[in-house]
């Protein structure tokens, strides 16, 4: 029998292990926004809204979550392939959605890279709708 799934708030103590997981998961893009400084600011600004799953003494999954006061956003849902099929991703999402509800947020968005077939299947299978009719534009400041 496997170890119980333990979901807890993410902290900067999790950074190195989370970054290693993000680099190893196909379909997840790591960028300069994932530097220790930027992630630290994100976690501070969105205290208690991002989560990790700990199993067997290591991080098996992550989910970054936050909001702008109006809409919630999720990033970096990642589960180590060795731990998939145990409901970790769904539990991380539910924890984050509940935390966002507690903040008064009633709608959440997730950005999925267009060729991330695993991600698209997961979100669609879990009741999320793919949006159309707009594009995302970005600019470095």
N, C-alpha and C. Protein backbone atom coordinates (compact mmCIF):
# COMPACT_ATOMS: atom_id res chain seq x y z
N UNK A 1 0.85 -1.18 0.00
CA UNK A 1 0.00 0.00 0.00
C UNK A 1 0.89 1.23 0.00
N UNK A 2 0.58 2.23 -0.85
CA UNK A 2 1.39 3.43 -0.99
C UNK A 2 1.16 4.42 0.13
N UNK A 3 2.06 5.38 0.19
CA UNK A 3 1.96 6.43 1.19
C UNK A 3 0.78 7.34 0.87
N UNK A 4 0.18 7.89 1.90
CA UNK A 4 -0.94 8.81 1.75
C UNK A 4 -0.48 10.08 1.03
N UNK A 5 -1.36 10.61 0.21
CA UNK A 5 -1.11 11.87 -0.49
C UNK A 5 -1.23 13.01 0.51
N UNK A 6 -0.21 13.85 0.59
CA UNK A 6 -0.21 14.99 1.51
C UNK A 6 -0.09 16.27 0.69
N UNK A 7 -1.14 17.08 0.72
CA UNK A 7 -1.15 18.36 0.01
C UNK A 7 -0.93 19.45 1.04
N UNK A 8 -0.01 20.38 0.73
CA UNK A 8 0.25 21.51 1.63
C UNK A 8 0.59 22.74 0.80
N UNK A 9 0.55 23.89 1.45
CA UNK A 9 0.92 25.14 0.78
C UNK A 9 2.37 25.10 0.35
N UNK A 10 2.62 25.67 -0.81
CA UNK A 10 3.99 25.74 -1.33
C UNK A 10 4.73 26.88 -0.65
N UNK A 11 6.03 26.65 -0.41
CA UNK A 11 6.89 27.70 0.13
C UNK A 11 8.17 27.73 -0.68
N UNK A 12 8.97 28.73 -0.45
CA UNK A 12 10.25 28.83 -1.16
C UNK A 12 11.19 27.69 -0.79
N UNK A 13 10.96 27.04 0.33
CA UNK A 13 11.76 25.86 0.67
C UNK A 13 11.58 24.74 -0.36
N UNK A 14 10.48 24.80 -1.11
CA UNK A 14 10.18 23.79 -2.13
C UNK A 14 10.78 24.13 -3.49
N UNK A 15 11.39 25.30 -3.61
CA UNK A 15 11.77 25.82 -4.92
C UNK A 15 12.63 24.86 -5.74
N UNK A 16 13.76 24.43 -5.21
CA UNK A 16 14.70 23.62 -6.00
C UNK A 16 14.05 22.32 -6.48
N UNK A 17 13.32 21.68 -5.60
CA UNK A 17 12.69 20.42 -5.98
C UNK A 17 11.56 20.64 -6.99
N UNK A 18 10.80 21.72 -6.81
CA UNK A 18 9.74 22.04 -7.75
C UNK A 18 10.32 22.37 -9.13
N UNK A 19 11.38 23.16 -9.16
CA UNK A 19 12.01 23.52 -10.42
C UNK A 19 12.52 22.27 -11.15
N UNK A 20 13.10 21.36 -10.41
CA UNK A 20 13.56 20.10 -11.00
C UNK A 20 12.39 19.33 -11.62
N UNK A 21 11.26 19.29 -10.90
CA UNK A 21 10.07 18.63 -11.43
C UNK A 21 9.59 19.33 -12.71
N UNK A 22 9.52 20.67 -12.67
CA UNK A 22 9.03 21.41 -13.84
C UNK A 22 9.89 21.16 -15.07
N UNK A 23 11.18 21.07 -14.87
CA UNK A 23 12.07 20.80 -16.01
C UNK A 23 11.87 19.39 -16.56
N UNK A 24 11.39 18.47 -15.74
CA UNK A 24 11.28 17.07 -16.15
C UNK A 24 9.93 16.73 -16.77
N UNK A 25 8.95 17.62 -16.64
CA UNK A 25 7.60 17.32 -17.10
C UNK A 25 7.39 17.86 -18.51
N UNK A 26 7.06 16.97 -19.43
CA UNK A 26 6.80 17.36 -20.81
C UNK A 26 5.57 18.26 -20.88
N UNK A 27 5.67 19.33 -21.68
CA UNK A 27 4.56 20.23 -21.88
C UNK A 27 4.54 21.42 -20.95
N UNK A 28 5.48 21.49 -20.02
CA UNK A 28 5.55 22.61 -19.08
C UNK A 28 6.74 23.48 -19.44
N UNK A 29 6.50 24.76 -19.65
CA UNK A 29 7.57 25.68 -20.03
C UNK A 29 8.06 26.45 -18.81
N UNK A 30 9.34 26.40 -18.56
CA UNK A 30 9.97 27.14 -17.47
C UNK A 30 10.61 28.38 -18.09
N UNK A 31 10.44 29.52 -17.43
CA UNK A 31 10.96 30.78 -17.96
C UNK A 31 11.61 31.60 -16.85
N UNK A 32 12.04 32.80 -17.21
CA UNK A 32 12.63 33.70 -16.21
C UNK A 32 11.63 34.06 -15.11
N UNK A 33 10.35 33.92 -15.39
CA UNK A 33 9.33 34.16 -14.37
C UNK A 33 9.38 33.13 -13.25
N UNK A 34 10.14 32.06 -13.47
CA UNK A 34 10.28 31.01 -12.47
C UNK A 34 11.57 31.13 -11.67
N UNK A 35 12.22 32.28 -11.75
CA UNK A 35 13.43 32.51 -10.95
C UNK A 35 13.03 32.54 -9.47
N UNK A 36 13.99 32.30 -8.58
CA UNK A 36 13.66 32.34 -7.15
C UNK A 36 13.05 33.68 -6.72
N UNK A 37 13.58 34.77 -7.24
CA UNK A 37 13.07 36.09 -6.86
C UNK A 37 11.62 36.27 -7.29
N UNK A 38 11.34 35.93 -8.55
CA UNK A 38 9.98 36.14 -9.06
C UNK A 38 8.99 35.17 -8.42
N UNK A 39 9.39 33.92 -8.26
CA UNK A 39 8.48 32.97 -7.63
C UNK A 39 8.24 33.36 -6.17
N UNK A 40 9.26 33.85 -5.49
CA UNK A 40 9.09 34.31 -4.12
C UNK A 40 8.07 35.43 -4.02
N UNK A 41 8.14 36.38 -4.95
CA UNK A 41 7.15 37.48 -4.97
C UNK A 41 5.75 36.94 -5.24
N UNK A 42 5.66 35.99 -6.17
CA UNK A 42 4.36 35.41 -6.51
C UNK A 42 3.75 34.72 -5.30
N UNK A 43 4.53 33.90 -4.62
CA UNK A 43 4.01 33.18 -3.45
C UNK A 43 3.63 34.15 -2.33
N UNK A 44 4.40 35.20 -2.16
CA UNK A 44 4.10 36.20 -1.13
C UNK A 44 2.80 36.94 -1.45
N UNK A 45 2.66 37.33 -2.70
CA UNK A 45 1.47 38.08 -3.13
C UNK A 45 0.23 37.20 -3.08
N UNK A 46 0.38 35.92 -3.31
CA UNK A 46 -0.73 34.97 -3.36
C UNK A 46 -0.59 33.93 -2.25
N UNK A 47 -0.35 34.41 -1.07
CA UNK A 47 -0.07 33.54 0.09
C UNK A 47 -1.16 32.48 0.29
N UNK A 48 -0.72 31.22 0.38
CA UNK A 48 -1.64 30.13 0.67
C UNK A 48 -2.46 29.64 -0.51
N UNK A 49 -2.12 30.08 -1.73
CA UNK A 49 -2.91 29.70 -2.91
C UNK A 49 -2.20 28.71 -3.82
N UNK A 50 -0.93 28.44 -3.60
CA UNK A 50 -0.16 27.48 -4.39
C UNK A 50 0.15 26.27 -3.51
N UNK A 51 0.22 25.08 -4.15
CA UNK A 51 0.29 23.85 -3.37
C UNK A 51 1.31 22.88 -3.95
N UNK A 52 1.81 22.03 -3.07
CA UNK A 52 2.63 20.89 -3.47
C UNK A 52 2.01 19.63 -2.88
N UNK A 53 2.27 18.53 -3.55
CA UNK A 53 1.92 17.21 -3.04
C UNK A 53 3.21 16.54 -2.62
N UNK A 54 3.29 16.15 -1.37
CA UNK A 54 4.48 15.45 -0.86
C UNK A 54 4.14 13.98 -0.68
N UNK A 55 5.01 13.15 -1.22
CA UNK A 55 4.87 11.69 -1.06
C UNK A 55 6.26 11.10 -0.94
N UNK A 56 6.39 10.14 -0.04
CA UNK A 56 7.65 9.43 0.14
C UNK A 56 8.83 10.39 0.32
N UNK A 57 8.59 11.47 1.05
CA UNK A 57 9.65 12.41 1.37
C UNK A 57 10.07 13.34 0.24
N UNK A 58 9.29 13.39 -0.82
CA UNK A 58 9.66 14.27 -1.93
C UNK A 58 8.42 14.89 -2.55
N UNK A 59 8.62 15.90 -3.37
CA UNK A 59 7.51 16.55 -4.04
C UNK A 59 7.11 15.72 -5.25
N UNK A 60 5.85 15.30 -5.25
CA UNK A 60 5.31 14.50 -6.35
C UNK A 60 4.49 15.35 -7.30
N UNK A 61 4.07 16.54 -6.85
CA UNK A 61 3.25 17.40 -7.70
C UNK A 61 3.25 18.83 -7.21
N UNK A 62 2.95 19.76 -8.13
CA UNK A 62 2.88 21.18 -7.81
C UNK A 62 1.73 21.84 -8.55
N UNK A 63 1.27 22.96 -8.02
CA UNK A 63 0.34 23.83 -8.72
C UNK A 63 0.49 25.24 -8.16
N UNK A 64 0.81 26.17 -9.05
CA UNK A 64 0.84 27.58 -8.69
C UNK A 64 -0.54 28.16 -8.96
N UNK A 65 -1.03 28.97 -8.04
CA UNK A 65 -2.34 29.57 -8.18
C UNK A 65 -2.30 30.97 -7.57
N UNK A 66 -3.03 31.87 -8.19
CA UNK A 66 -3.12 33.23 -7.68
C UNK A 66 -4.29 33.94 -8.32
N UNK A 67 -4.43 35.21 -8.01
CA UNK A 67 -5.52 35.99 -8.60
C UNK A 67 -5.14 37.45 -8.68
N UNK A 68 -5.92 38.18 -9.47
CA UNK A 68 -5.71 39.62 -9.63
C UNK A 68 -6.80 40.42 -8.93
N UNK A 69 -7.59 39.75 -8.08
CA UNK A 69 -8.70 40.40 -7.40
C UNK A 69 -10.02 40.17 -8.12
N UNK A 70 -9.94 39.71 -9.35
CA UNK A 70 -11.11 39.51 -10.19
C UNK A 70 -11.21 38.09 -10.73
N UNK A 71 -10.10 37.57 -11.24
CA UNK A 71 -10.04 36.23 -11.81
C UNK A 71 -8.86 35.47 -11.23
N UNK A 72 -9.03 34.16 -11.11
CA UNK A 72 -7.94 33.31 -10.66
C UNK A 72 -7.16 32.78 -11.85
N UNK A 73 -5.92 32.42 -11.59
CA UNK A 73 -5.04 31.87 -12.63
C UNK A 73 -4.23 30.73 -12.02
N UNK A 74 -4.04 29.69 -12.81
CA UNK A 74 -3.23 28.56 -12.38
C UNK A 74 -2.09 28.35 -13.36
N UNK A 75 -0.97 27.93 -12.81
CA UNK A 75 0.23 27.67 -13.60
C UNK A 75 0.93 26.44 -13.03
N UNK A 76 1.70 25.79 -13.86
CA UNK A 76 2.62 24.74 -13.44
C UNK A 76 1.97 23.61 -12.65
N UNK A 77 0.83 23.14 -13.16
CA UNK A 77 0.31 21.89 -12.63
C UNK A 77 1.24 20.80 -13.17
N UNK A 78 1.93 20.14 -12.29
CA UNK A 78 2.91 19.12 -12.69
C UNK A 78 2.86 17.98 -11.69
N UNK A 79 2.84 16.76 -12.23
CA UNK A 79 2.91 15.56 -11.40
C UNK A 79 4.01 14.68 -11.96
N UNK A 80 4.91 14.28 -11.11
CA UNK A 80 5.97 13.37 -11.48
C UNK A 80 5.34 12.12 -12.11
N UNK A 81 5.81 11.72 -13.31
CA UNK A 81 5.22 10.54 -13.95
C UNK A 81 5.17 9.30 -13.07
N UNK A 82 6.10 9.15 -12.15
CA UNK A 82 6.11 7.99 -11.26
C UNK A 82 4.92 7.97 -10.30
N UNK A 83 4.25 9.13 -10.13
CA UNK A 83 3.14 9.24 -9.19
C UNK A 83 1.80 9.51 -9.87
N UNK A 84 1.76 9.45 -11.18
CA UNK A 84 0.51 9.72 -11.89
C UNK A 84 -0.48 8.58 -11.69
N UNK A 85 -1.74 8.91 -11.92
CA UNK A 85 -2.81 7.91 -11.78
C UNK A 85 -3.32 7.76 -10.37
N UNK A 86 -2.93 8.65 -9.48
CA UNK A 86 -3.36 8.58 -8.07
C UNK A 86 -4.28 9.74 -7.69
N UNK A 87 -4.64 10.56 -8.66
CA UNK A 87 -5.54 11.68 -8.38
C UNK A 87 -4.85 12.91 -7.84
N UNK A 88 -3.53 12.95 -7.91
CA UNK A 88 -2.77 14.08 -7.35
C UNK A 88 -3.13 15.39 -8.06
N UNK A 89 -3.14 15.38 -9.38
CA UNK A 89 -3.42 16.61 -10.13
C UNK A 89 -4.81 17.15 -9.77
N UNK A 90 -5.80 16.27 -9.76
CA UNK A 90 -7.16 16.70 -9.43
C UNK A 90 -7.25 17.26 -8.02
N UNK A 91 -6.55 16.64 -7.08
CA UNK A 91 -6.58 17.15 -5.71
C UNK A 91 -5.90 18.51 -5.60
N UNK A 92 -4.78 18.68 -6.28
CA UNK A 92 -4.11 19.99 -6.27
C UNK A 92 -5.04 21.06 -6.82
N UNK A 93 -5.72 20.76 -7.91
CA UNK A 93 -6.65 21.73 -8.51
C UNK A 93 -7.77 22.04 -7.54
N UNK A 94 -8.34 21.04 -6.89
CA UNK A 94 -9.44 21.29 -5.95
C UNK A 94 -8.98 22.14 -4.76
N UNK A 95 -7.79 21.88 -4.25
CA UNK A 95 -7.26 22.71 -3.16
C UNK A 95 -7.14 24.16 -3.61
N UNK A 96 -6.61 24.35 -4.80
CA UNK A 96 -6.43 25.72 -5.30
C UNK A 96 -7.77 26.40 -5.56
N UNK A 97 -8.71 25.69 -6.16
CA UNK A 97 -10.03 26.29 -6.41
C UNK A 97 -10.72 26.67 -5.10
N UNK A 98 -10.61 25.83 -4.10
CA UNK A 98 -11.22 26.16 -2.80
C UNK A 98 -10.53 27.39 -2.20
N UNK A 99 -9.22 27.46 -2.29
CA UNK A 99 -8.50 28.63 -1.76
C UNK A 99 -8.92 29.89 -2.51
N UNK A 100 -9.09 29.79 -3.81
CA UNK A 100 -9.55 30.95 -4.59
C UNK A 100 -10.97 31.34 -4.20
N UNK A 101 -11.85 30.35 -4.01
CA UNK A 101 -13.22 30.65 -3.56
C UNK A 101 -13.20 31.41 -2.24
N UNK A 102 -12.32 31.00 -1.33
CA UNK A 102 -12.21 31.67 -0.03
C UNK A 102 -11.76 33.12 -0.19
N UNK A 103 -11.07 33.42 -1.29
CA UNK A 103 -10.63 34.79 -1.59
C UNK A 103 -11.71 35.59 -2.33
N UNK A 104 -12.86 34.97 -2.61
CA UNK A 104 -13.94 35.65 -3.32
C UNK A 104 -13.82 35.59 -4.83
N UNK A 105 -12.99 34.71 -5.33
CA UNK A 105 -12.79 34.57 -6.78
C UNK A 105 -13.77 33.52 -7.30
N UNK A 106 -14.53 33.86 -8.34
CA UNK A 106 -15.53 32.92 -8.83
C UNK A 106 -15.24 32.35 -10.22
N UNK A 107 -14.11 32.70 -10.82
CA UNK A 107 -13.74 32.13 -12.11
C UNK A 107 -12.23 32.04 -12.19
N UNK A 108 -11.74 30.96 -12.79
CA UNK A 108 -10.30 30.73 -12.86
C UNK A 108 -9.92 30.34 -14.28
N UNK A 109 -8.74 30.76 -14.70
CA UNK A 109 -8.20 30.43 -16.02
C UNK A 109 -6.88 29.68 -15.86
N UNK A 110 -6.60 28.84 -16.84
CA UNK A 110 -5.32 28.15 -16.92
C UNK A 110 -4.80 28.33 -18.34
N UNK A 111 -3.50 28.59 -18.47
CA UNK A 111 -2.88 28.67 -19.78
C UNK A 111 -2.22 27.33 -20.07
N UNK A 112 -2.57 26.74 -21.21
CA UNK A 112 -2.02 25.44 -21.61
C UNK A 112 -1.32 25.65 -22.95
N UNK A 113 -0.07 25.25 -23.04
CA UNK A 113 0.68 25.37 -24.28
C UNK A 113 -0.02 24.55 -25.35
N UNK A 114 -0.13 25.10 -26.55
CA UNK A 114 -0.98 24.51 -27.59
C UNK A 114 -0.63 23.09 -27.97
N UNK A 115 0.62 22.66 -27.84
CA UNK A 115 0.97 21.29 -28.20
C UNK A 115 1.05 20.35 -26.99
N UNK A 116 0.57 20.80 -25.85
CA UNK A 116 0.57 19.96 -24.64
C UNK A 116 -0.70 19.12 -24.62
N UNK A 117 -0.65 18.00 -25.34
CA UNK A 117 -1.83 17.13 -25.47
C UNK A 117 -2.27 16.53 -24.13
N UNK A 118 -1.32 16.15 -23.29
CA UNK A 118 -1.66 15.59 -21.98
C UNK A 118 -2.40 16.63 -21.15
N UNK A 119 -1.90 17.85 -21.15
CA UNK A 119 -2.55 18.92 -20.40
C UNK A 119 -3.94 19.22 -20.93
N UNK A 120 -4.09 19.30 -22.22
CA UNK A 120 -5.40 19.59 -22.81
C UNK A 120 -6.41 18.49 -22.45
N UNK A 121 -5.97 17.22 -22.52
CA UNK A 121 -6.87 16.12 -22.14
C UNK A 121 -7.28 16.22 -20.67
N UNK A 122 -6.30 16.51 -19.80
CA UNK A 122 -6.60 16.60 -18.37
C UNK A 122 -7.65 17.67 -18.09
N UNK A 123 -7.41 18.88 -18.59
CA UNK A 123 -8.32 19.99 -18.28
C UNK A 123 -9.70 19.74 -18.87
N UNK A 124 -9.77 19.24 -20.10
CA UNK A 124 -11.07 18.95 -20.72
C UNK A 124 -11.81 17.87 -19.95
N UNK A 125 -11.11 16.82 -19.54
CA UNK A 125 -11.73 15.72 -18.81
C UNK A 125 -12.23 16.14 -17.44
N UNK A 126 -11.70 17.23 -16.93
CA UNK A 126 -12.09 17.70 -15.60
C UNK A 126 -13.05 18.89 -15.63
N UNK A 127 -13.72 19.06 -16.76
CA UNK A 127 -14.79 20.05 -16.84
C UNK A 127 -14.39 21.46 -17.22
N UNK A 128 -13.14 21.66 -17.59
CA UNK A 128 -12.70 22.98 -18.01
C UNK A 128 -12.97 23.14 -19.49
N UNK A 129 -13.38 24.33 -19.89
CA UNK A 129 -13.71 24.59 -21.29
C UNK A 129 -12.59 25.37 -21.97
N UNK A 130 -12.23 24.90 -23.17
CA UNK A 130 -11.23 25.64 -23.95
C UNK A 130 -11.91 26.89 -24.50
N UNK A 131 -11.29 28.03 -24.27
CA UNK A 131 -11.81 29.30 -24.74
C UNK A 131 -11.32 29.57 -26.15
N UNK A 132 -12.10 30.29 -26.90
CA UNK A 132 -11.68 30.73 -28.22
C UNK A 132 -12.13 32.17 -28.39
N UNK A 133 -11.69 32.77 -29.47
CA UNK A 133 -12.14 34.12 -29.77
C UNK A 133 -11.21 35.21 -29.27
N UNK A 134 -10.09 34.84 -28.66
CA UNK A 134 -9.13 35.85 -28.26
C UNK A 134 -7.74 35.26 -28.28
N UNK A 135 -6.78 36.13 -28.28
CA UNK A 135 -5.37 35.73 -28.28
C UNK A 135 -4.70 36.30 -27.04
N UNK A 136 -3.64 35.68 -26.61
CA UNK A 136 -2.84 36.19 -25.51
C UNK A 136 -1.63 36.91 -26.12
N UNK A 137 -1.44 38.15 -25.74
CA UNK A 137 -0.28 38.92 -26.17
C UNK A 137 0.60 39.16 -24.96
N UNK A 138 1.88 39.17 -25.14
CA UNK A 138 2.82 39.40 -24.05
C UNK A 138 3.88 40.40 -24.49
N UNK A 139 4.41 41.13 -23.51
CA UNK A 139 5.50 42.06 -23.77
C UNK A 139 6.37 42.14 -22.53
N UNK A 140 7.65 42.04 -22.71
CA UNK A 140 8.55 42.20 -21.57
C UNK A 140 8.59 43.66 -21.16
N UNK A 141 8.61 43.91 -19.86
CA UNK A 141 8.67 45.28 -19.36
C UNK A 141 10.01 45.53 -18.70
